[in-house]
Structures are given as structure tokens and as C-alpha cells.
Amino acid sequence: MDLLGLLGQTKYIKLTFQSIISGLMFSDDEVTAAILFKLHRRGNWGASHTALDNLQKGFKDADLGKHGAKRVDKLARGLIRQGWIIPKPTSYGLQVSLNPKESQGIMAFMRRFFPEV
């Protein structure tokens, strides 16, 4: 086969910058599992709590996308509505901890992304 015939059969993959970036970012489930794992690793179950702002720390901007801090905050508030995270309003900001009554569901969800839990 000649060179022109070979070039005619070659297929190209069209990759844009946006498609590459979106492939590298964490999904919402992965970020949610990381939030839960962070609270679990710190031992924040029940009465032991931490600031909601601390959940945003430890993520790289490239992993979360353009609005990373807002995304973590939105997912954490979704976990509060779901009942997996207990909110504790204080004068110095919102504190959160894992709900011990939902421990089975939380641990099962975390094991999907962190098998060593």
C-alpha cells in the first residue's frame, strides 16, 4: 500500500482543551466521597465537628474545576439535606460532623471510592 492510501485510512481523534480538562476533574460522587472520607479520617462523628470551610481545603483547583470551592460547598449542603452530615450553627460559622445513625450508608458509599476504609 502506498503512503497516500495509508493516510486516507487514518482516523483522527478530535480533542479539545475543554474535553481534556473535564476528563481530569473529579465527578460529584468522587468529591462527595472525599468530603465524607475527610470527616471520617478526622474522627468527626456526632459531637466532634469541624468548620464547613475546612472541607474545601485539600482539593486542587484543577481537580474541582472553575468554581471548586462553591462546588464543595454545594455538595456538602446536599449531604446535610440528605442527613449524612449534621450541621451545628455557631457564632463563628457553621460546623459539621458525620451522622452516626447513617454510618452504614456512609461507609458503603465511601468504600465505592476508597476500598481501604
C-alpha atoms as a PDB file:
ATOM      1  CA  MET A   1       0.000   0.000   0.000  1.00  0.00           C
ATOM      2  CA  ASP A   2       1.347   3.412  -0.863  1.00  0.00           C
ATOM      3  CA  LEU A   3       1.700   6.299   1.566  1.00  0.00           C
ATOM      4  CA  LEU A   4      -1.336   8.187   0.225  1.00  0.00           C
ATOM      5  CA  GLY A   5      -3.561   5.122   0.687  1.00  0.00           C
ATOM      6  CA  LEU A   6      -2.338   4.727   4.270  1.00  0.00           C
ATOM      7  CA  LEU A   7      -3.009   8.372   5.090  1.00  0.00           C
ATOM      8  CA  GLY A   8      -6.520   8.118   3.670  1.00  0.00           C
ATOM      9  CA  GLN A   9      -7.376   5.340   6.132  1.00  0.00           C
ATOM     10  CA  THR A  10      -6.037   7.090   9.223  1.00  0.00           C
ATOM     11  CA  LYS A  11      -8.676   8.247  11.676  1.00  0.00           C
ATOM     12  CA  TYR A  12      -8.124  11.216  13.920  1.00  0.00           C
ATOM     13  CA  ILE A  13      -9.483  11.859  17.372  1.00  0.00           C
ATOM     14  CA  LYS A  14     -10.639  15.408  17.868  1.00  0.00           C
ATOM     15  CA  LEU A  15      -9.746  16.513  21.372  1.00  0.00           C
ATOM     16  CA  THR A  16     -10.438  19.982  22.589  1.00  0.00           C
ATOM     17  CA  PHE A  17      -8.900  21.597  25.627  1.00  0.00           C
ATOM     18  CA  GLN A  18     -12.272  21.544  27.389  1.00  0.00           C
ATOM     19  CA  SER A  19     -12.742  17.804  26.833  1.00  0.00           C
ATOM     20  CA  ILE A  20      -9.302  17.082  28.270  1.00  0.00           C
ATOM     21  CA  ILE A  21      -9.941  19.242  31.352  1.00  0.00           C
ATOM     22  CA  SER A  22     -13.384  17.759  32.031  1.00  0.00           C
ATOM     23  CA  GLY A  23     -11.870  14.264  31.836  1.00  0.00           C
ATOM     24  CA  LEU A  24      -9.374  15.136  34.541  1.00  0.00           C
ATOM     25  CA  MET A  25     -11.812  16.715  37.007  1.00  0.00           C
ATOM     26  CA  PHE A  26     -13.428  14.736  39.801  1.00  0.00           C
ATOM     27  CA  SER A  27     -17.078  13.767  39.434  1.00  0.00           C
ATOM     28  CA  ASP A  28     -19.622  14.917  42.021  1.00  0.00           C
ATOM     29  CA  ASP A  29     -19.696  11.425  43.564  1.00  0.00           C
ATOM     30  CA  GLU A  30     -15.904  11.411  43.893  1.00  0.00           C
ATOM     31  CA  VAL A  31     -15.908  14.822  45.592  1.00  0.00           C
ATOM     32  CA  THR A  32     -18.749  13.723  47.886  1.00  0.00           C
ATOM     33  CA  ALA A  33     -16.837  10.575  48.853  1.00  0.00           C
ATOM     34  CA  ALA A  34     -13.716  12.670  49.520  1.00  0.00           C
ATOM     35  CA  ILE A  35     -15.704  15.011  51.792  1.00  0.00           C
ATOM     36  CA  LEU A  36     -17.115  12.066  53.746  1.00  0.00           C
ATOM     37  CA  PHE A  37     -13.716  10.371  53.918  1.00  0.00           C
ATOM     38  CA  LYS A  38     -12.105  13.569  55.199  1.00  0.00           C
ATOM     39  CA  LEU A  39     -14.615  13.823  58.045  1.00  0.00           C
ATOM     40  CA  HIS A  40     -14.249  10.089  58.785  1.00  0.00           C
ATOM     41  CA  ARG A  41     -10.452  10.280  58.827  1.00  0.00           C
ATOM     42  CA  ARG A  42     -10.594  13.229  61.232  1.00  0.00           C
ATOM     43  CA  GLY A  43     -12.977  11.324  63.505  1.00  0.00           C
ATOM     44  CA  ASN A  44     -15.780  13.864  63.119  1.00  0.00           C
ATOM     45  CA  TRP A  45     -18.708  11.622  64.041  1.00  0.00           C
ATOM     46  CA  GLY A  46     -21.558  13.008  66.160  1.00  0.00           C
ATOM     47  CA  ALA A  47     -20.407  15.546  68.740  1.00  0.00           C
ATOM     48  CA  SER A  48     -16.940  16.018  67.219  1.00  0.00           C
ATOM     49  CA  HIS A  49     -17.301  18.626  64.480  1.00  0.00           C
ATOM     50  CA  THR A  50     -15.248  20.820  62.162  1.00  0.00           C
ATOM     51  CA  ALA A  51     -15.872  24.017  60.224  1.00  0.00           C
ATOM     52  CA  LEU A  52     -17.655  23.719  56.894  1.00  0.00           C
ATOM     53  CA  ASP A  53     -14.874  25.843  55.375  1.00  0.00           C
ATOM     54  CA  ASN A  54     -12.323  23.154  56.254  1.00  0.00           C
ATOM     55  CA  LEU A  55     -13.983  20.718  53.842  1.00  0.00           C
ATOM     56  CA  GLN A  56     -12.766  22.811  50.892  1.00  0.00           C
ATOM     57  CA  LYS A  57      -9.143  22.523  51.917  1.00  0.00           C
ATOM     58  CA  GLY A  58      -7.001  19.802  50.402  1.00  0.00           C
ATOM     59  CA  PHE A  59      -8.547  19.831  46.922  1.00  0.00           C
ATOM     60  CA  LYS A  60      -6.514  21.102  43.991  1.00  0.00           C
ATOM     61  CA  ASP A  61      -8.196  23.719  41.818  1.00  0.00           C
ATOM     62  CA  ALA A  62      -7.603  21.553  38.745  1.00  0.00           C
ATOM     63  CA  ASP A  63      -9.467  18.649  40.358  1.00  0.00           C
ATOM     64  CA  LEU A  64     -12.613  20.646  41.049  1.00  0.00           C
ATOM     65  CA  GLY A  65     -12.873  22.980  38.088  1.00  0.00           C
ATOM     66  CA  LYS A  66     -13.504  26.692  37.798  1.00  0.00           C
ATOM     67  CA  HIS A  67     -15.845  27.083  40.782  1.00  0.00           C
ATOM     68  CA  GLY A  68     -14.260  24.475  43.038  1.00  0.00           C
ATOM     69  CA  ALA A  69     -14.966  25.989  46.449  1.00  0.00           C
ATOM     70  CA  LYS A  70     -18.604  26.642  45.539  1.00  0.00           C
ATOM     71  CA  ARG A  71     -18.902  23.087  44.242  1.00  0.00           C
ATOM     72  CA  VAL A  72     -17.626  21.583  47.516  1.00  0.00           C
ATOM     73  CA  ASP A  73     -19.948  23.872  49.496  1.00  0.00           C
ATOM     74  CA  LYS A  74     -22.947  22.863  47.342  1.00  0.00           C
ATOM     75  CA  LEU A  75     -22.189  19.155  47.694  1.00  0.00           C
ATOM     76  CA  ALA A  76     -21.688  19.484  51.469  1.00  0.00           C
ATOM     77  CA  ARG A  77     -25.036  21.260  51.822  1.00  0.00           C
ATOM     78  CA  GLY A  78     -26.595  18.461  49.783  1.00  0.00           C
ATOM     79  CA  LEU A  79     -25.167  15.961  52.280  1.00  0.00           C
ATOM     80  CA  ILE A  80     -26.744  17.997  55.087  1.00  0.00           C
ATOM     81  CA  ARG A  81     -30.141  17.795  53.330  1.00  0.00           C
ATOM     82  CA  GLN A  82     -29.605  14.060  52.795  1.00  0.00           C
ATOM     83  CA  GLY A  83     -28.944  13.586  56.511  1.00  0.00           C
ATOM     84  CA  TRP A  84     -25.401  12.215  56.248  1.00  0.00           C
ATOM     85  CA  ILE A  85     -23.842  15.368  57.715  1.00  0.00           C
ATOM     86  CA  ILE A  86     -25.147  17.026  60.870  1.00  0.00           C
ATOM     87  CA  PRO A  87     -24.946  20.847  60.892  1.00  0.00           C
ATOM     88  CA  LYS A  88     -24.152  22.752  64.080  1.00  0.00           C
ATOM     89  CA  PRO A  89     -24.644  26.513  63.751  1.00  0.00           C
ATOM     90  CA  THR A  90     -22.280  28.515  65.954  1.00  0.00           C
ATOM     91  CA  SER A  91     -21.475  32.202  66.399  1.00  0.00           C
ATOM     92  CA  TYR A  92     -18.227  31.685  64.466  1.00  0.00           C
ATOM     93  CA  GLY A  93     -19.672  29.765  61.491  1.00  0.00           C
ATOM     94  CA  LEU A  94     -21.322  26.510  60.509  1.00  0.00           C
ATOM     95  CA  GLN A  95     -19.748  23.370  61.978  1.00  0.00           C
ATOM     96  CA  VAL A  96     -20.412  19.885  60.557  1.00  0.00           C
ATOM     97  CA  SER A  97     -19.959  16.253  61.563  1.00  0.00           C
ATOM     98  CA  LEU A  98     -20.958  12.851  60.222  1.00  0.00           C
ATOM     99  CA  ASN A  99     -24.294  11.431  61.349  1.00  0.00           C
ATOM    100  CA  PRO A 100     -23.598   8.246  63.373  1.00  0.00           C
ATOM    101  CA  LYS A 101     -27.156   6.995  62.675  1.00  0.00           C
ATOM    102  CA  GLU A 102     -26.312   6.869  58.955  1.00  0.00           C
ATOM    103  CA  SER A 103     -22.915   5.197  59.401  1.00  0.00           C
ATOM    104  CA  GLN A 104     -23.777   2.088  57.359  1.00  0.00           C
ATOM    105  CA  GLY A 105     -24.811   4.097  54.298  1.00  0.00           C
ATOM    106  CA  ILE A 106     -21.878   6.498  54.639  1.00  0.00           C
ATOM    107  CA  MET A 107     -19.325   3.690  54.924  1.00  0.00           C
ATOM    108  CA  ALA A 108     -20.842   1.800  51.955  1.00  0.00           C
ATOM    109  CA  PHE A 109     -20.694   4.943  49.801  1.00  0.00           C
ATOM    110  CA  MET A 110     -17.081   5.679  50.793  1.00  0.00           C
ATOM    111  CA  ARG A 111     -16.000   2.085  50.043  1.00  0.00           C
ATOM    112  CA  ARG A 112     -17.029   2.564  46.404  1.00  0.00           C
ATOM    113  CA  PHE A 113     -14.221   5.106  46.011  1.00  0.00           C
ATOM    114  CA  PHE A 114     -11.908   4.270  48.945  1.00  0.00           C
ATOM    115  CA  PRO A 115     -11.808   0.455  49.343  1.00  0.00           C
ATOM    116  CA  GLU A 116      -9.355   0.677  52.259  1.00  0.00           C
ATOM    117  CA  VAL A 117     -11.986   2.225  54.579  1.00  0.00           C
END
